[in-house]
């Protein structure tokens, strides 16, 4: 009989990564994942899932490096295995370009991607508005494929899935440990006033001739070739809750991306998608105790990843697992 009851709230890439880590590492725990929305209706489903990220200003860089490295190692192992097509993980090479030379020419994650270097003057010629660039090979994870694969892996490890909305942590008082991976939902679920939406709109286009990604350093314009289509974007609209497609944004995305890659003007638009990134000044991976129906229940938080959820998903999931392990050692039998 499994003795410790753990519930994970949230079925995006953070929720499922965390649930898999706990279920596989702690077989004596009974792990249930509860969420209102599952793939293909999560924010993660629209993520381009390309691995590089901005940093959380108040979190030690060493901790962020570990998050990135653990995640990169995890996705690289999948990309080099027979599971790559089913999990939707591929290697991807390209350029990040800047209109002005950035203060940080060599970001903290540059040691972990492959072949990181500064672009040459001749490479930058095709981007006349940009003065500096970085070339490297990284990984890309397509969540619309990866999430069902993770769910299957979770169930194989004995995990259970329940589809319902959790309006309050009080509803989870029957569990021994609560793991909160509710993303933007944490604004209401745990009253986190730091949480805010960062609206993102993207298009999937048919352009099989494109093989290299291009990302403007401002994070607003990008072209990411994937397995079945090319993702082009985007928008970073802070505090904007609109989930409807904005035709003005669509025109702006096509125009900006075509400036970087003129052949995109010939690409057929397959779909348009809008999602709200879970914005927060810093990712929150920590524990606290909450009074649920008169019982003191430990809650492990893992949310607030903004636009970098896929990139550090496995690293923060392993951190959350570490917090759960620590709780188990301190719990009275």
Protein backbone atom coordinates (compact mmCIF):
# COMPACT_ATOMS: atom_id res chain seq x y z
CA UNK A 1 0.00 0.00 0.00
CA UNK A 2 1.42 3.40 -1.00
CA UNK A 3 1.51 5.48 2.14
CA UNK A 4 2.18 9.14 1.25
CA UNK A 5 -0.47 10.92 -0.83
CA UNK A 6 0.92 13.65 -3.09
CA UNK A 7 -1.19 15.89 -5.36
CA UNK A 8 0.27 17.97 -8.20
CA UNK A 9 -1.88 20.87 -9.44
CA UNK A 10 -1.38 21.80 -13.10
CA UNK A 11 -1.03 19.81 -16.34
CA UNK A 12 1.33 22.02 -18.31
CA UNK A 13 4.98 21.20 -18.88
CA UNK A 14 5.88 22.17 -15.28
CA UNK A 15 3.10 20.10 -13.71
CA UNK A 16 3.74 16.94 -15.70
CA UNK A 17 7.54 17.19 -15.41
CA UNK A 18 7.24 17.53 -11.64
CA UNK A 19 4.68 14.73 -11.37
CA UNK A 20 6.87 12.36 -13.41
CA UNK A 21 9.97 13.18 -11.32
CA UNK A 22 8.11 12.46 -8.06
CA UNK A 23 6.28 9.32 -9.29
CA UNK A 24 9.44 7.76 -10.74
CA UNK A 25 11.81 8.64 -7.89
CA UNK A 26 9.43 7.96 -4.97
CA UNK A 27 7.43 4.82 -5.78
CA UNK A 28 6.06 4.67 -2.22
CA UNK A 29 4.18 7.93 -2.90
CA UNK A 30 0.73 7.83 -4.45
CA UNK A 31 0.82 10.74 -6.93
CA UNK A 32 -2.32 12.34 -8.40
CA UNK A 33 -2.19 15.16 -10.95
CA UNK A 34 -5.25 17.44 -10.92
CA UNK A 35 -5.96 20.14 -13.50
CA UNK A 36 -8.81 21.88 -15.24
CA UNK A 37 -7.11 21.87 -18.64
CA UNK A 38 -4.93 19.24 -20.29
CA UNK A 39 -3.12 19.13 -23.62
CA UNK A 40 -3.94 20.49 -26.21
CA UNK A 41 -5.52 23.27 -24.11
CA UNK A 42 -2.60 24.33 -21.89
CA UNK A 43 -0.34 27.37 -22.25
CA UNK A 44 2.55 24.95 -22.81
CA UNK A 45 0.91 23.61 -25.99
CA UNK A 46 1.66 26.83 -27.84
CA UNK A 47 5.22 27.12 -26.59
CA UNK A 48 7.92 27.11 -29.26
CA UNK A 49 9.97 25.16 -26.71
CA UNK A 50 13.40 26.28 -27.88
CA UNK A 51 16.04 25.95 -25.20
CA UNK A 52 17.60 29.22 -24.11
CA UNK A 53 16.30 31.66 -21.58
CA UNK A 54 16.49 34.99 -19.82
CA UNK A 55 17.45 35.02 -16.16
CA UNK A 56 15.53 35.54 -12.91
CA UNK A 57 17.14 38.67 -11.40
CA UNK A 58 17.08 37.59 -7.73
CA UNK A 59 17.91 33.89 -8.02
CA UNK A 60 21.59 32.88 -7.74
CA UNK A 61 23.05 32.25 -11.19
CA UNK A 62 24.43 28.87 -10.06
CA UNK A 63 20.92 27.66 -9.28
CA UNK A 64 19.69 28.85 -12.71
CA UNK A 65 22.66 27.18 -14.42
CA UNK A 66 21.72 23.93 -12.70
CA UNK A 67 18.08 24.28 -13.82
CA UNK A 68 19.21 24.82 -17.41
CA UNK A 69 21.83 22.05 -17.42
CA UNK A 70 19.52 19.45 -15.83
CA UNK A 71 16.84 20.28 -18.39
CA UNK A 72 19.26 20.31 -21.33
CA UNK A 73 20.69 16.92 -20.31
CA UNK A 74 17.16 15.52 -19.99
CA UNK A 75 16.04 16.73 -23.44
CA UNK A 76 19.35 15.79 -25.08
CA UNK A 77 18.99 12.21 -23.82
CA UNK A 78 15.51 12.09 -25.40
CA UNK A 79 16.71 13.69 -28.67
CA UNK A 80 19.42 11.03 -28.97
CA UNK A 81 17.08 8.14 -28.19
CA UNK A 82 14.44 6.16 -30.06
CA UNK A 83 11.80 8.22 -28.23
CA UNK A 84 12.70 11.49 -30.02
CA UNK A 85 9.89 11.44 -32.64
CA UNK A 86 7.21 10.35 -30.16
CA UNK A 87 8.34 12.90 -27.54
CA UNK A 88 8.78 15.68 -30.10
CA UNK A 89 12.36 16.66 -29.16
CA UNK A 90 14.85 17.72 -31.86
CA UNK A 91 18.17 19.54 -32.18
CA UNK A 92 17.94 23.03 -33.64
CA UNK A 93 20.67 25.39 -34.89
CA UNK A 94 20.43 29.09 -35.59
CA UNK A 95 21.09 32.66 -34.56
CA UNK A 96 20.09 35.14 -31.89
CA UNK A 97 20.61 38.67 -33.20
CA UNK A 98 20.71 42.07 -31.50
CA UNK A 99 20.18 45.62 -32.74
CA UNK A 100 22.62 46.84 -30.06
CA UNK A 101 25.50 44.90 -28.52
CA UNK A 102 24.05 43.39 -25.31
CA UNK A 103 25.64 43.98 -21.91
CA UNK A 104 25.93 40.21 -21.54
CA UNK A 105 27.59 38.84 -24.67
CA UNK A 106 27.95 35.35 -23.20
CA UNK A 107 24.81 34.32 -21.27
CA UNK A 108 24.99 31.87 -18.37
CA UNK A 109 23.57 29.02 -20.48
CA UNK A 110 26.13 29.39 -23.30
CA UNK A 111 28.37 26.64 -21.82
CA UNK A 112 25.61 24.04 -22.15
CA UNK A 113 24.34 24.54 -25.71
CA UNK A 114 26.57 23.30 -28.53
CA UNK A 115 29.08 25.40 -30.47
CA UNK A 116 28.18 28.77 -28.94
CA UNK A 117 30.08 31.59 -30.67
CA UNK A 118 29.65 35.19 -31.77
CA UNK A 119 28.49 35.66 -35.37
CA UNK A 120 30.98 36.88 -37.94
CA UNK A 121 30.58 40.16 -39.85
CA UNK A 122 29.73 38.24 -43.03
CA UNK A 123 27.00 36.26 -41.23
CA UNK A 124 25.50 39.47 -39.86
CA UNK A 125 25.32 41.03 -43.37
CA UNK A 126 21.94 39.41 -44.00
CA UNK A 127 20.56 41.26 -40.93
CA UNK A 128 21.48 44.90 -41.69
CA UNK A 129 19.46 46.28 -38.73
CA UNK A 130 21.43 44.16 -36.27
CA UNK A 131 24.96 44.77 -34.96
CA UNK A 132 25.67 41.65 -32.93
CA UNK A 133 24.70 37.99 -32.95
CA UNK A 134 25.21 34.58 -31.35
CA UNK A 135 25.24 31.27 -33.23
CA UNK A 136 24.63 27.95 -31.49
CA UNK A 137 22.87 24.59 -31.58
CA UNK A 138 20.26 23.90 -28.93
CA UNK A 139 17.21 21.67 -28.43
CA UNK A 140 13.56 22.20 -29.30
CA UNK A 141 10.68 20.46 -27.55
CA UNK A 142 7.22 20.43 -29.14
CA UNK A 143 4.83 20.33 -26.22
CA UNK A 144 1.78 19.19 -28.20
CA UNK A 145 3.70 15.90 -28.62
CA UNK A 146 5.81 16.01 -25.45
CA UNK A 147 2.91 16.48 -22.99
CA UNK A 148 1.01 13.31 -24.08
CA UNK A 149 4.34 11.44 -23.94
CA UNK A 150 4.98 12.71 -20.40
CA UNK A 151 1.43 11.81 -19.36
CA UNK A 152 1.97 8.25 -20.59
CA UNK A 153 5.27 8.10 -18.68
CA UNK A 154 3.53 9.42 -15.54
CA UNK A 155 0.78 6.78 -15.71
CA UNK A 156 3.37 4.05 -16.30
CA UNK A 157 5.02 5.12 -13.02
CA UNK A 158 1.67 4.61 -11.26
CA UNK A 159 0.43 8.20 -11.43
CA UNK A 160 -3.26 9.08 -11.54
CA UNK A 161 -4.86 11.95 -13.46
CA UNK A 162 -8.00 13.85 -12.53
CA UNK A 163 -9.62 16.59 -14.61
CA UNK A 164 -11.29 19.25 -12.48
CA UNK A 165 -10.76 22.85 -11.48
CA UNK A 166 -9.14 23.45 -8.11
CA UNK A 167 -10.63 26.70 -6.79
CA UNK A 168 -8.88 26.58 -3.42
CA UNK A 169 -6.08 24.59 -1.78
CA UNK A 170 -8.68 23.78 0.92
CA UNK A 171 -10.14 21.23 -1.54
CA UNK A 172 -6.86 19.28 -1.29
CA UNK A 173 -6.84 18.74 2.48
CA UNK A 174 -7.00 14.95 2.00
CA UNK A 175 -3.42 14.87 0.67
CA UNK A 176 -0.17 14.74 2.67
CA UNK A 177 1.80 16.99 0.30
CA UNK A 178 0.49 19.53 -2.24
CA UNK A 179 2.69 20.52 -5.20
CA UNK A 180 1.51 23.71 -6.86
CA UNK A 181 2.41 23.95 -10.56
CA UNK A 182 -0.60 26.05 -11.55
CA UNK A 183 1.32 28.74 -13.44
CA UNK A 184 -0.74 31.89 -13.92
CA UNK A 185 -3.49 30.20 -11.87
CA UNK A 186 -1.33 30.81 -8.77
CA UNK A 187 -2.50 34.43 -8.87
CA UNK A 188 -5.88 33.30 -7.51
CA UNK A 189 -5.09 29.81 -6.14
CA UNK A 190 -2.44 31.02 -3.67
CA UNK A 191 -3.06 34.78 -3.92
CA UNK A 192 0.31 35.57 -5.51
CA UNK A 193 0.05 39.23 -6.50
CA UNK A 194 3.40 39.05 -8.36
CA UNK A 195 1.83 36.81 -11.02
CA UNK A 196 0.76 38.55 -14.24
CA UNK A 197 -0.03 37.48 -17.80
CA UNK A 198 2.42 38.08 -20.65
CA UNK A 199 0.27 37.65 -23.74
CA UNK A 200 1.87 35.77 -26.60
CA UNK A 201 0.50 35.37 -30.12
CA UNK A 202 2.16 33.07 -32.63
CA UNK A 203 1.50 31.64 -36.09
CA UNK A 204 2.32 28.18 -37.41
CA UNK A 205 3.31 28.38 -41.06
CA UNK A 206 4.24 25.91 -43.78
CA UNK A 207 7.82 26.67 -44.75
CA UNK A 208 9.73 23.37 -44.95
CA UNK A 209 12.67 25.07 -46.66
CA UNK A 210 13.58 26.86 -43.40
CA UNK A 211 16.01 24.87 -41.28
CA UNK A 212 17.59 27.43 -38.91
CA UNK A 213 15.98 29.45 -36.14
CA UNK A 214 16.32 33.24 -35.97
CA UNK A 215 15.48 35.12 -32.78
CA UNK A 216 15.69 38.86 -32.21
CA UNK A 217 17.33 39.50 -28.84
CA UNK A 218 14.33 41.57 -27.71
CA UNK A 219 12.32 38.34 -27.60
CA UNK A 220 9.44 39.74 -29.66
CA UNK A 221 10.37 38.48 -33.13
CA UNK A 222 11.37 34.88 -33.82
CA UNK A 223 11.29 32.09 -36.38
CA UNK A 224 11.56 28.52 -35.06
CA UNK A 225 11.45 25.62 -37.55
CA UNK A 226 9.86 22.55 -35.99
CA UNK A 227 9.00 18.99 -36.97
CA UNK A 228 5.75 19.69 -38.85
CA UNK A 229 5.69 23.48 -39.24
CA UNK A 230 7.55 26.71 -38.48
CA UNK A 231 6.51 28.80 -35.47
CA UNK A 232 6.75 32.54 -36.05
CA UNK A 233 6.04 35.26 -33.53
CA UNK A 234 5.38 37.04 -31.51
CA UNK A 235 4.17 39.38 -28.83
CA UNK A 236 5.15 40.03 -25.20
CA UNK A 237 2.21 42.06 -23.88
CA UNK A 238 2.54 42.39 -20.09
CA UNK A 239 -0.69 42.51 -18.11
CA UNK A 240 -2.80 41.68 -21.19
CA UNK A 241 -5.46 38.99 -20.55
CA UNK A 242 -6.89 38.84 -24.12
CA UNK A 243 -7.07 35.31 -25.52
CA UNK A 244 -8.61 36.32 -28.86
CA UNK A 245 -6.44 36.48 -31.98
CA UNK A 246 -5.52 40.09 -32.80
CA UNK A 247 -5.36 40.62 -36.57
CA UNK A 248 -3.06 43.61 -36.08
CA UNK A 249 -0.62 41.37 -34.22
CA UNK A 250 -0.87 38.75 -36.99
CA UNK A 251 0.07 41.34 -39.65
CA UNK A 252 2.89 42.69 -37.47
CA UNK A 253 4.32 39.19 -36.89
CA UNK A 254 4.32 38.34 -40.62
CA UNK A 255 5.85 41.70 -41.50
CA UNK A 256 8.60 41.55 -38.82
CA UNK A 257 9.51 37.92 -39.52
CA UNK A 258 9.54 38.49 -43.30
CA UNK A 259 12.05 41.28 -42.75
CA UNK A 260 14.41 38.73 -41.17
CA UNK A 261 13.49 35.91 -43.58
CA UNK A 262 11.97 37.29 -46.83
CA UNK A 263 10.87 33.84 -48.04
CA UNK A 264 8.24 33.77 -45.27
CA UNK A 265 6.03 36.03 -47.39
CA UNK A 266 5.41 32.88 -49.49
CA UNK A 267 4.56 30.65 -46.51
CA UNK A 268 1.03 29.37 -45.96
CA UNK A 269 -0.41 30.19 -42.50
CA UNK A 270 -1.65 26.96 -40.91
CA UNK A 271 -2.92 28.29 -37.59
CA UNK A 272 -2.82 31.18 -35.14
CA UNK A 273 -2.58 30.74 -31.38
CA UNK A 274 -2.73 32.97 -28.31
CA UNK A 275 -1.54 32.08 -24.81
CA UNK A 276 -0.78 33.83 -21.54
CA UNK A 277 2.71 33.20 -20.18
CA UNK A 278 2.87 32.97 -16.37
CA UNK A 279 4.86 36.14 -15.72
CA UNK A 280 6.70 36.72 -12.44
CA UNK A 281 9.88 38.61 -11.52
CA UNK A 282 11.44 35.33 -10.32
CA UNK A 283 10.50 31.69 -10.75
CA UNK A 284 9.13 30.40 -7.44
CA UNK A 285 10.47 27.00 -6.31
CA UNK A 286 10.07 26.78 -2.55
CA UNK A 287 7.96 25.23 0.19
CA UNK A 288 5.63 26.54 2.86
CA UNK A 289 3.09 25.16 5.29
CA UNK A 290 -0.60 25.93 4.84
CA UNK A 291 -3.53 25.26 7.16
CA UNK A 292 -6.02 23.10 5.22
CA UNK A 293 -9.23 22.15 7.06
CA UNK A 294 -7.41 22.42 10.37
CA UNK A 295 -4.36 20.37 9.25
CA UNK A 296 -0.91 21.81 8.57
CA UNK A 297 -0.08 20.59 5.06
CA UNK A 298 3.23 21.27 3.31
CA UNK A 299 2.94 22.95 -0.10
CA UNK A 300 5.79 22.87 -2.63
CA UNK A 301 5.54 25.65 -5.21
CA UNK A 302 6.97 25.42 -8.73
CA UNK A 303 5.58 28.19 -10.95
CA UNK A 304 6.17 31.60 -12.51
CA UNK A 305 8.43 30.51 -15.38
CA UNK A 306 7.29 33.23 -17.81
CA UNK A 307 8.36 32.37 -21.37
CA UNK A 308 11.07 29.95 -20.23
CA UNK A 309 8.95 27.08 -18.92
CA UNK A 310 10.08 24.34 -21.28
CA UNK A 311 13.71 25.48 -21.06
CA UNK A 312 14.08 24.90 -17.31
CA UNK A 313 11.12 22.54 -16.76
CA UNK A 314 13.12 19.45 -15.79
CA UNK A 315 15.58 21.39 -13.65
CA UNK A 316 12.89 23.06 -11.54
CA UNK A 317 10.99 19.74 -11.38
CA UNK A 318 14.10 18.09 -9.88
CA UNK A 319 14.35 20.96 -7.39
CA UNK A 320 10.69 20.45 -6.42
CA UNK A 321 11.39 16.71 -6.06
CA UNK A 322 14.27 17.58 -3.73
CA UNK A 323 11.90 19.65 -1.58
CA UNK A 324 9.40 16.75 -1.46
CA UNK A 325 12.20 14.33 -0.46
CA UNK A 326 13.23 16.69 2.34
CA UNK A 327 9.62 16.89 3.56
CA UNK A 328 9.35 13.09 3.62
CA UNK A 329 12.45 12.87 5.80
CA UNK A 330 10.98 15.34 8.30
CA UNK A 331 7.40 14.00 8.35
CA UNK A 332 6.39 11.96 11.37
CA UNK A 333 5.42 8.40 10.37
